[in-house]
Amino acid sequence: MEPPPIHSHYDTDFDEDQRLRQGLGRLELARVQEIVRRHLRPGSRVLDVGGATGVHAEWLLDDGHTVHLVDLLPGHVARATEQLGGHARFSATVGDARALDLPDASMDAVLLLGPLYHLTDRVDRLAAWREALRVVVPGGVVIAMAISRFASLFDGLAQSYLFDPAFRAIVAQDLATGVHENPTGDPRWFTTAYFHRPEELADEATEAGLAVTETVGVEGLAHWIKALAPALDDSAAREVVLDSARVIEAEPSLLGLSSHLLTVATRPV
């Protein structure tokens, strides 16, 4: 049987762990870290849903939190366990964001830093939001990531993919429906996904029963300027690049410019 596109993409074509540790992926990682950190209480019990091979769990553990990672792919869970299983405050299981095998109100914070953009049906995304609401304590925080509706258009310009008619057809569908499909199988063009309009992420959280605190853009314009990658090797230049994202992170007219969006919400007390 042919594996679903997401399994094939992450099991054979793509290394998510390395993506966030090199090039401009480091900008995304640094910005996610600073945004998440300002919403976590010290010593939190954090559920990392769709946590892949543990790239976020690693720094959360270093920050003193207890982390339980859940991922749909057994290979991801095995690798995360191999790399982080020595930590007394770390555990990992295979699971689905839409049906978490965890007790009600058992976590101080829930991170959805991947599942939502791999669920193309709104009903499934709402199920993931509601499961996060269920397992987080009253007053606890849920932080979810989306890919911007306009990401493939900007990436196509930055990488010159847009000159290929096949990629232009993919972008046209993305812009019209949000559903990203890659019939070519070219791993550079991602896998089946959903790309949110900036306002959609908060709308979903609200419909699920959460109280939205903020929606911010993660990388700003810098993610699309590939020549900036070496600047992240220099501490002073890195700070300039990071600040270029910070100063516009909450500007409504520019949210869709970022490759990724983060919505922060809480479970009502």
C-alpha atoms as a PDB file:
ATOM      1  CA  MET A   1       0.000   0.000   0.000  1.00  0.00           C
ATOM      2  CA  GLU A   2       1.284   3.472  -0.893  1.00  0.00           C
ATOM      3  CA  PRO A   3       1.975   5.494   2.297  1.00  0.00           C
ATOM      4  CA  PRO A   4       0.105   8.780   2.766  1.00  0.00           C
ATOM      5  CA  PRO A   5       2.009  11.778   1.334  1.00  0.00           C
ATOM      6  CA  ILE A   6       2.934  13.137   4.774  1.00  0.00           C
ATOM      7  CA  HIS A   7       4.538   9.816   5.763  1.00  0.00           C
ATOM      8  CA  SER A   8       6.538   9.621   2.547  1.00  0.00           C
ATOM      9  CA  HIS A   9       7.623  13.260   2.817  1.00  0.00           C
ATOM     10  CA  TYR A  10       8.966  13.053   6.358  1.00  0.00           C
ATOM     11  CA  ASP A  11      10.129   9.437   6.360  1.00  0.00           C
ATOM     12  CA  THR A  12      12.102   9.536   3.110  1.00  0.00           C
ATOM     13  CA  ASP A  13      12.333  13.014   1.591  1.00  0.00           C
ATOM     14  CA  PHE A  14      12.799  15.504   4.388  1.00  0.00           C
ATOM     15  CA  ASP A  15      14.649  15.964   7.680  1.00  0.00           C
ATOM     16  CA  GLU A  16      12.632  18.401   9.800  1.00  0.00           C
ATOM     17  CA  ASP A  17      15.207  18.341  12.587  1.00  0.00           C
ATOM     18  CA  GLN A  18      17.987  19.541  10.309  1.00  0.00           C
ATOM     19  CA  ARG A  19      15.753  22.077   8.554  1.00  0.00           C
ATOM     20  CA  LEU A  20      15.488  24.078  11.775  1.00  0.00           C
ATOM     21  CA  ARG A  21      19.197  23.858  12.547  1.00  0.00           C
ATOM     22  CA  GLN A  22      20.611  25.250   9.313  1.00  0.00           C
ATOM     23  CA  GLY A  23      20.147  28.128   6.891  1.00  0.00           C
ATOM     24  CA  LEU A  24      17.134  30.345   7.471  1.00  0.00           C
ATOM     25  CA  GLY A  25      15.410  27.525   9.325  1.00  0.00           C
ATOM     26  CA  ARG A  26      17.367  28.850  12.300  1.00  0.00           C
ATOM     27  CA  LEU A  27      15.365  32.074  12.085  1.00  0.00           C
ATOM     28  CA  GLU A  28      12.116  30.142  12.454  1.00  0.00           C
ATOM     29  CA  LEU A  29      13.499  28.169  15.401  1.00  0.00           C
ATOM     30  CA  ALA A  30      14.801  31.243  17.213  1.00  0.00           C
ATOM     31  CA  ARG A  31      11.548  33.135  16.743  1.00  0.00           C
ATOM     32  CA  VAL A  32       9.412  30.193  17.861  1.00  0.00           C
ATOM     33  CA  GLN A  33      11.589  29.883  20.952  1.00  0.00           C
ATOM     34  CA  GLU A  34      11.225  33.510  21.965  1.00  0.00           C
ATOM     35  CA  ILE A  35       7.470  33.626  21.297  1.00  0.00           C
ATOM     36  CA  VAL A  36       6.764  30.379  23.155  1.00  0.00           C
ATOM     37  CA  ARG A  37       9.034  31.284  26.073  1.00  0.00           C
ATOM     38  CA  ARG A  38       7.145  34.458  26.875  1.00  0.00           C
ATOM     39  CA  HIS A  39       3.975  32.424  27.432  1.00  0.00           C
ATOM     40  CA  LEU A  40       5.304  29.475  29.484  1.00  0.00           C
ATOM     41  CA  ARG A  41       5.473  29.448  33.267  1.00  0.00           C
ATOM     42  CA  PRO A  42       8.646  27.987  34.832  1.00  0.00           C
ATOM     43  CA  GLY A  43       8.587  24.226  35.231  1.00  0.00           C
ATOM     44  CA  SER A  44       5.547  23.664  33.019  1.00  0.00           C
ATOM     45  CA  ARG A  45       4.228  20.311  31.867  1.00  0.00           C
ATOM     46  CA  VAL A  46       4.359  20.784  28.097  1.00  0.00           C
ATOM     47  CA  LEU A  47       2.649  18.591  25.529  1.00  0.00           C
ATOM     48  CA  ASP A  48       4.479  18.826  22.195  1.00  0.00           C
ATOM     49  CA  VAL A  49       1.922  17.544  19.668  1.00  0.00           C
ATOM     50  CA  GLY A  50       3.444  16.774  16.295  1.00  0.00           C
ATOM     51  CA  GLY A  51       6.821  17.209  17.950  1.00  0.00           C
ATOM     52  CA  ALA A  52       8.644  15.249  15.225  1.00  0.00           C
ATOM     53  CA  THR A  53      12.145  14.196  16.289  1.00  0.00           C
ATOM     54  CA  GLY A  54      12.265  16.502  19.298  1.00  0.00           C
ATOM     55  CA  VAL A  55      13.837  19.704  17.994  1.00  0.00           C
ATOM     56  CA  HIS A  56      11.546  21.794  20.217  1.00  0.00           C
ATOM     57  CA  ALA A  57      11.419  19.289  23.064  1.00  0.00           C
ATOM     58  CA  GLU A  58      15.199  19.583  23.378  1.00  0.00           C
ATOM     59  CA  TRP A  59      15.248  23.286  24.252  1.00  0.00           C
ATOM     60  CA  LEU A  60      12.092  23.004  26.343  1.00  0.00           C
ATOM     61  CA  LEU A  61      13.862  20.396  28.478  1.00  0.00           C
ATOM     62  CA  ASP A  62      16.922  22.640  28.715  1.00  0.00           C
ATOM     63  CA  ASP A  63      14.596  25.393  29.955  1.00  0.00           C
ATOM     64  CA  GLY A  64      13.462  23.157  32.823  1.00  0.00           C
ATOM     65  CA  HIS A  65      10.074  21.994  31.557  1.00  0.00           C
ATOM     66  CA  THR A  66       8.674  18.464  31.553  1.00  0.00           C
ATOM     67  CA  VAL A  67       7.866  17.427  27.984  1.00  0.00           C
ATOM     68  CA  HIS A  68       5.642  14.719  26.554  1.00  0.00           C
ATOM     69  CA  LEU A  69       6.003  14.456  22.780  1.00  0.00           C
ATOM     70  CA  VAL A  70       3.292  12.974  20.568  1.00  0.00           C
ATOM     71  CA  ASP A  71       3.805  12.383  16.859  1.00  0.00           C
ATOM     72  CA  LEU A  72       1.905  10.525  14.163  1.00  0.00           C
ATOM     73  CA  LEU A  73       5.042   8.950  12.678  1.00  0.00           C
ATOM     74  CA  PRO A  74       6.662   6.058  14.578  1.00  0.00           C
ATOM     75  CA  GLY A  75      10.038   6.913  13.061  1.00  0.00           C
ATOM     76  CA  HIS A  76       9.898  10.398  14.535  1.00  0.00           C
ATOM     77  CA  VAL A  77       9.007   9.072  17.980  1.00  0.00           C
ATOM     78  CA  ALA A  78      11.806   6.497  17.834  1.00  0.00           C
ATOM     79  CA  ARG A  79      14.370   9.137  16.897  1.00  0.00           C
ATOM     80  CA  ALA A  80      13.154  11.559  19.569  1.00  0.00           C
ATOM     81  CA  THR A  81      13.335   8.803  22.171  1.00  0.00           C
ATOM     82  CA  GLU A  82      16.833   7.851  21.051  1.00  0.00           C
ATOM     83  CA  GLN A  83      18.035  11.450  21.296  1.00  0.00           C
ATOM     84  CA  LEU A  84      16.177  12.608  24.405  1.00  0.00           C
ATOM     85  CA  GLY A  85      15.142   9.450  26.236  1.00  0.00           C
ATOM     86  CA  GLY A  86      17.869   9.946  28.820  1.00  0.00           C
ATOM     87  CA  HIS A  87      16.037  12.947  30.263  1.00  0.00           C
ATOM     88  CA  ALA A  88      13.919  12.062  33.298  1.00  0.00           C
ATOM     89  CA  ARG A  89      11.449  14.793  32.282  1.00  0.00           C
ATOM     90  CA  PHE A  90      10.909  13.491  28.733  1.00  0.00           C
ATOM     91  CA  SER A  91       8.515  10.932  27.313  1.00  0.00           C
ATOM     92  CA  ALA A  92       7.172  10.248  23.823  1.00  0.00           C
ATOM     93  CA  THR A  93       4.381   8.246  22.228  1.00  0.00           C
ATOM     94  CA  VAL A  94       2.876   7.732  18.794  1.00  0.00           C
ATOM     95  CA  GLY A  95      -0.468   9.503  18.592  1.00  0.00           C
ATOM     96  CA  ASP A  96      -2.926  11.626  16.647  1.00  0.00           C
ATOM     97  CA  ALA A  97      -3.575  15.299  17.426  1.00  0.00           C
ATOM     98  CA  ARG A  98      -7.298  14.695  16.888  1.00  0.00           C
ATOM     99  CA  ALA A  99      -7.557  11.982  19.569  1.00  0.00           C
ATOM    100  CA  LEU A 100      -4.928  12.363  22.272  1.00  0.00           C
ATOM    101  CA  ASP A 101      -4.478   9.491  24.717  1.00  0.00           C
ATOM    102  CA  LEU A 102      -4.074  11.793  27.712  1.00  0.00           C
ATOM    103  CA  PRO A 103      -6.257  12.701  30.701  1.00  0.00           C
ATOM    104  CA  ASP A 104      -8.302  15.886  30.856  1.00  0.00           C
ATOM    105  CA  ALA A 105      -6.517  18.952  32.284  1.00  0.00           C
ATOM    106  CA  SER A 106      -3.192  17.119  32.585  1.00  0.00           C
ATOM    107  CA  MET A 107      -0.883  19.645  30.879  1.00  0.00           C
ATOM    108  CA  ASP A 108       0.075  23.249  31.633  1.00  0.00           C
ATOM    109  CA  ALA A 109       0.757  24.038  27.975  1.00  0.00           C
ATOM    110  CA  VAL A 110       0.068  22.417  24.615  1.00  0.00           C
ATOM    111  CA  LEU A 111       2.118  23.127  21.494  1.00  0.00           C
ATOM    112  CA  LEU A 112       0.666  22.403  18.058  1.00  0.00           C
ATOM    113  CA  LEU A 113       3.671  23.382  15.967  1.00  0.00           C
ATOM    114  CA  GLY A 114       2.851  21.201  12.982  1.00  0.00           C
ATOM    115  CA  PRO A 115      -0.389  19.234  13.127  1.00  0.00           C
ATOM    116  CA  LEU A 116      -2.776  21.949  11.962  1.00  0.00           C
ATOM    117  CA  TYR A 117      -1.126  22.526   8.614  1.00  0.00           C
ATOM    118  CA  HIS A 118      -1.222  18.818   7.849  1.00  0.00           C
ATOM    119  CA  LEU A 119      -4.992  18.646   8.366  1.00  0.00           C
ATOM    120  CA  THR A 120      -6.681  19.899   5.216  1.00  0.00           C
ATOM    121  CA  ASP A 121     -10.236  19.509   6.566  1.00  0.00           C
ATOM    122  CA  ARG A 122     -11.433  22.212   8.972  1.00  0.00           C
ATOM    123  CA  VAL A 123     -13.355  19.587  10.960  1.00  0.00           C
ATOM    124  CA  ASP A 124     -10.080  17.781  11.664  1.00  0.00           C
ATOM    125  CA  ARG A 125      -8.298  20.997  12.626  1.00  0.00           C
ATOM    126  CA  LEU A 126     -11.082  21.872  15.052  1.00  0.00           C
ATOM    127  CA  ALA A 127     -10.794  18.384  16.535  1.00  0.00           C
ATOM    128  CA  ALA A 128      -7.087  19.005  17.183  1.00  0.00           C
ATOM    129  CA  TRP A 129      -7.829  22.388  18.785  1.00  0.00           C
ATOM    130  CA  ARG A 130     -10.521  20.807  20.995  1.00  0.00           C
ATOM    131  CA  GLU A 131      -8.214  18.021  22.093  1.00  0.00           C
ATOM    132  CA  ALA A 132      -5.622  20.630  23.080  1.00  0.00           C
ATOM    133  CA  LEU A 133      -8.337  22.465  25.020  1.00  0.00           C
ATOM    134  CA  ARG A 134      -9.348  19.243  26.758  1.00  0.00           C
ATOM    135  CA  VAL A 135      -5.901  18.225  27.980  1.00  0.00           C
ATOM    136  CA  VAL A 136      -4.651  21.665  29.062  1.00  0.00           C
ATOM    137  CA  VAL A 137      -5.468  22.947  32.546  1.00  0.00           C
ATOM    138  CA  PRO A 138      -7.892  25.867  32.995  1.00  0.00           C
ATOM    139  CA  GLY A 139      -5.819  28.982  32.421  1.00  0.00           C
ATOM    140  CA  GLY A 140      -3.237  26.942  30.521  1.00  0.00           C
ATOM    141  CA  VAL A 141      -1.844  27.992  27.176  1.00  0.00           C
ATOM    142  CA  VAL A 142      -2.226  26.479  23.708  1.00  0.00           C
ATOM    143  CA  ILE A 143       0.190  27.694  21.022  1.00  0.00           C
ATOM    144  CA  ALA A 144      -0.440  26.627  17.441  1.00  0.00           C
ATOM    145  CA  MET A 145       1.472  27.175  14.228  1.00  0.00           C
ATOM    146  CA  ALA A 146       0.151  27.570  10.698  1.00  0.00           C
ATOM    147  CA  ILE A 147       1.713  28.105   7.296  1.00  0.00           C
ATOM    148  CA  SER A 148       0.629  31.357   5.670  1.00  0.00           C
ATOM    149  CA  ARG A 149      -1.781  31.202   2.738  1.00  0.00           C
ATOM    150  CA  PHE A 150       0.773  33.138   0.674  1.00  0.00           C
ATOM    151  CA  ALA A 151       3.862  31.075   1.550  1.00  0.00           C
ATOM    152  CA  SER A 152       4.109  29.119  -1.691  1.00  0.00           C
ATOM    153  CA  LEU A 153       3.768  32.289  -3.767  1.00  0.00           C
ATOM    154  CA  PHE A 154       6.617  33.989  -1.912  1.00  0.00           C
ATOM    155  CA  ASP A 155       8.725  30.823  -1.842  1.00  0.00           C
ATOM    156  CA  GLY A 156       8.175  30.413  -5.569  1.00  0.00           C
ATOM    157  CA  LEU A 157       9.564  33.886  -6.177  1.00  0.00           C
ATOM    158  CA  ALA A 158      12.472  33.467  -3.769  1.00  0.00           C
ATOM    159  CA  GLN A 159      13.514  30.078  -5.177  1.00  0.00           C
ATOM    160  CA  SER A 160      12.512  30.690  -8.822  1.00  0.00           C
ATOM    161  CA  TYR A 161      10.022  27.803  -8.692  1.00  0.00           C
ATOM    162  CA  LEU A 162       7.306  30.145  -9.931  1.00  0.00           C
ATOM    163  CA  PHE A 163       8.745  30.043 -13.448  1.00  0.00           C
ATOM    164  CA  ASP A 164       7.662  26.398 -13.662  1.00  0.00           C
ATOM    165  CA  PRO A 165       4.037  26.098 -14.872  1.00  0.00           C
ATOM    166  CA  ALA A 166       3.505  23.075 -12.618  1.00  0.00           C
ATOM    167  CA  PHE A 167       4.414  25.103  -9.548  1.00  0.00           C
ATOM    168  CA  ARG A 168       2.242  28.013 -10.657  1.00  0.00           C
ATOM    169  CA  ALA A 169      -0.713  25.630 -10.805  1.00  0.00           C
ATOM    170  CA  ILE A 170       0.004  24.523  -7.230  1.00  0.00           C
ATOM    171  CA  VAL A 171       0.172  28.140  -6.067  1.00  0.00           C
ATOM    172  CA  ALA A 172      -3.093  29.001  -7.801  1.00  0.00           C
ATOM    173  CA  GLN A 173      -4.880  26.304  -5.822  1.00  0.00           C
ATOM    174  CA  ASP A 174      -3.160  27.356  -2.587  1.00  0.00           C
ATOM    175  CA  LEU A 175      -4.351  30.931  -2.973  1.00  0.00           C
ATOM    176  CA  ALA A 176      -7.885  29.914  -3.927  1.00  0.00           C
ATOM    177  CA  THR A 177      -8.556  27.179  -1.369  1.00  0.00           C
ATOM    178  CA  GLY A 178      -5.661  26.929   1.079  1.00  0.00           C
ATOM    179  CA  VAL A 179      -5.247  23.252   0.210  1.00  0.00           C
ATOM    180  CA  HIS A 180      -1.689  22.605  -0.944  1.00  0.00           C
ATOM    181  CA  GLU A 181      -1.197  19.507  -3.073  1.00  0.00           C
ATOM    182  CA  ASN A 182       1.988  18.497  -4.835  1.00  0.00           C
ATOM    183  CA  PRO A 183       1.200  15.979  -7.585  1.00  0.00           C
ATOM    184  CA  THR A 184       4.758  16.231  -8.927  1.00  0.00           C
ATOM    185  CA  GLY A 185       6.285  14.566  -5.871  1.00  0.00           C
ATOM    186  CA  ASP A 186       9.151  17.079  -5.910  1.00  0.00           C
ATOM    187  CA  PRO A 187      10.141  17.253  -2.197  1.00  0.00           C
ATOM    188  CA  ARG A 188      11.187  20.909  -2.571  1.00  0.00           C
ATOM    189  CA  TRP A 189       7.521  21.737  -3.143  1.00  0.00           C
ATOM    190  CA  PHE A 190       6.338  20.281   0.175  1.00  0.00           C
ATOM    191  CA  THR A 191       3.595  17.757   0.786  1.00  0.00           C
ATOM    192  CA  THR A 192      -0.178  17.821   1.239  1.00  0.00           C
ATOM    193  CA  ALA A 193      -1.028  20.632   3.646  1.00  0.00           C
ATOM    194  CA  TYR A 194      -3.372  23.460   4.526  1.00  0.00           C
ATOM    195  CA  PHE A 195      -2.213  27.088   4.330  1.00  0.00           C
ATOM    196  CA  HIS A 196      -4.159  29.445   6.614  1.00  0.00           C
ATOM    197  CA  ARG A 197      -5.197  33.006   6.035  1.00  0.00           C
ATOM    198  CA  PRO A 198      -3.932  34.998   9.063  1.00  0.00           C
ATOM    199  CA  GLU A 199      -7.395  35.456  10.564  1.00  0.00           C
ATOM    200  CA  GLU A 200      -8.368  31.784  10.177  1.00  0.00           C
ATOM    201  CA  LEU A 201      -6.072  30.457  12.878  1.00  0.00           C
ATOM    202  CA  ALA A 202      -7.603  32.625  15.602  1.00  0.00           C
ATOM    203  CA  ASP A 203     -11.102  31.916  14.270  1.00  0.00           C
ATOM    204  CA  GLU A 204     -10.502  28.180  14.649  1.00  0.00           C
ATOM    205  CA  ALA A 205      -9.181  28.564  18.191  1.00  0.00           C
ATOM    206  CA  THR A 206     -12.193  30.653  19.172  1.00  0.00           C
ATOM    207  CA  GLU A 207     -14.653  28.202  17.622  1.00  0.00           C
ATOM    208  CA  ALA A 208     -12.974  25.383  19.556  1.00  0.00           C
ATOM    209  CA  GLY A 209     -13.624  27.220  22.835  1.00  0.00           C
ATOM    210  CA  LEU A 210     -10.273  28.874  23.535  1.00  0.00           C
ATOM    211  CA  ALA A 211      -9.654  32.524  24.358  1.00  0.00           C
ATOM    212  CA  VAL A 212      -7.193  33.975  21.850  1.00  0.00           C
ATOM    213  CA  THR A 213      -4.361  36.105  23.229  1.00  0.00           C
ATOM    214  CA  GLU A 214      -2.518  36.980  20.022  1.00  0.00           C
ATOM    215  CA  THR A 215      -1.615  35.933  16.502  1.00  0.00           C
ATOM    216  CA  VAL A 216       1.872  36.853  15.336  1.00  0.00           C
ATOM    217  CA  GLY A 217       4.011  36.424  12.257  1.00  0.00           C
ATOM    218  CA  VAL A 218       7.095  34.343  12.955  1.00  0.00           C
ATOM    219  CA  GLU A 219       9.809  35.251  10.423  1.00  0.00           C
ATOM    220  CA  GLY A 220       8.639  38.395   8.659  1.00  0.00           C
ATOM    221  CA  LEU A 221      10.202  39.222   5.303  1.00  0.00           C
ATOM    222  CA  ALA A 222      13.628  37.816   6.187  1.00  0.00           C
ATOM    223  CA  HIS A 223      12.652  34.197   5.517  1.00  0.00           C
ATOM    224  CA  TRP A 224      12.245  34.933   1.808  1.00  0.00           C
ATOM    225  CA  ILE A 225      15.654  36.605   1.401  1.00  0.00           C
ATOM    226  CA  LYS A 226      17.933  33.576   1.149  1.00  0.00           C
ATOM    227  CA  ALA A 227      21.083  35.724   1.039  1.00  0.00           C
ATOM    228  CA  LEU A 228      20.456  36.594   4.707  1.00  0.00           C
ATOM    229  CA  ALA A 229      21.252  33.072   5.928  1.00  0.00           C
ATOM    230  CA  PRO A 230      24.961  33.799   6.635  1.00  0.00           C
ATOM    231  CA  ALA A 231      23.932  36.753   8.818  1.00  0.00           C
ATOM    232  CA  LEU A 232      22.639  34.266  11.375  1.00  0.00           C
ATOM    233  CA  ASP A 233      26.229  33.125  11.968  1.00  0.00           C
ATOM    234  CA  ASP A 234      27.166  36.543  13.388  1.00  0.00           C
ATOM    235  CA  SER A 235      25.593  37.488  16.726  1.00  0.00           C
ATOM    236  CA  ALA A 236      25.149  41.186  15.944  1.00  0.00           C
ATOM    237  CA  ALA A 237      23.783  40.596  12.451  1.00  0.00           C
ATOM    238  CA  ARG A 238      21.558  37.808  13.765  1.00  0.00           C
ATOM    239  CA  GLU A 239      19.967  40.221  16.214  1.00  0.00           C
ATOM    240  CA  VAL A 240      19.215  42.675  13.403  1.00  0.00           C
ATOM    241  CA  VAL A 241      17.485  39.939  11.389  1.00  0.00           C
ATOM    242  CA  LEU A 242      15.502  38.760  14.416  1.00  0.00           C
ATOM    243  CA  ASP A 243      14.454  42.290  15.257  1.00  0.00           C
ATOM    244  CA  SER A 244      13.194  42.815  11.714  1.00  0.00           C
ATOM    245  CA  ALA A 245      10.674  40.064  12.449  1.00  0.00           C
ATOM    246  CA  ARG A 246       9.855  41.239  15.972  1.00  0.00           C
ATOM    247  CA  VAL A 247       8.935  44.790  15.041  1.00  0.00           C
ATOM    248  CA  ILE A 248       6.223  43.695  12.593  1.00  0.00           C
ATOM    249  CA  GLU A 249       5.095  40.462  14.266  1.00  0.00           C
ATOM    250  CA  ALA A 250       1.706  41.864  15.338  1.00  0.00           C
ATOM    251  CA  GLU A 251       1.087  44.236  12.412  1.00  0.00           C
ATOM    252  CA  PRO A 252      -2.202  42.981  10.911  1.00  0.00           C
ATOM    253  CA  SER A 253      -1.403  44.161   7.391  1.00  0.00           C
ATOM    254  CA  LEU A 254       1.858  42.163   7.339  1.00  0.00           C
ATOM    255  CA  LEU A 255       0.952  38.913   9.108  1.00  0.00           C
ATOM    256  CA  GLY A 256       0.617  37.008   5.845  1.00  0.00           C
ATOM    257  CA  LEU A 257       4.144  38.007   4.836  1.00  0.00           C
ATOM    258  CA  SER A 258       5.626  35.517   7.297  1.00  0.00           C
ATOM    259  CA  SER A 259       6.032  31.930   6.222  1.00  0.00           C
ATOM    260  CA  HIS A 260       4.575  30.812   9.554  1.00  0.00           C
ATOM    261  CA  LEU A 261       1.986  32.205  11.952  1.00  0.00           C
ATOM    262  CA  LEU A 262       1.548  31.479  15.655  1.00  0.00           C
ATOM    263  CA  THR A 263      -1.710  31.869  17.543  1.00  0.00           C
ATOM    264  CA  VAL A 264      -1.546  31.895  21.336  1.00  0.00           C
ATOM    265  CA  ALA A 265      -4.717  31.057  23.255  1.00  0.00           C
ATOM    266  CA  THR A 266      -5.758  29.973  26.740  1.00  0.00           C
ATOM    267  CA  ARG A 267      -8.346  27.649  28.196  1.00  0.00           C
ATOM    268  CA  PRO A 268     -10.935  29.761  30.017  1.00  0.00           C
ATOM    269  CA  VAL A 269     -10.858  29.356  33.796  1.00  0.00           C
END
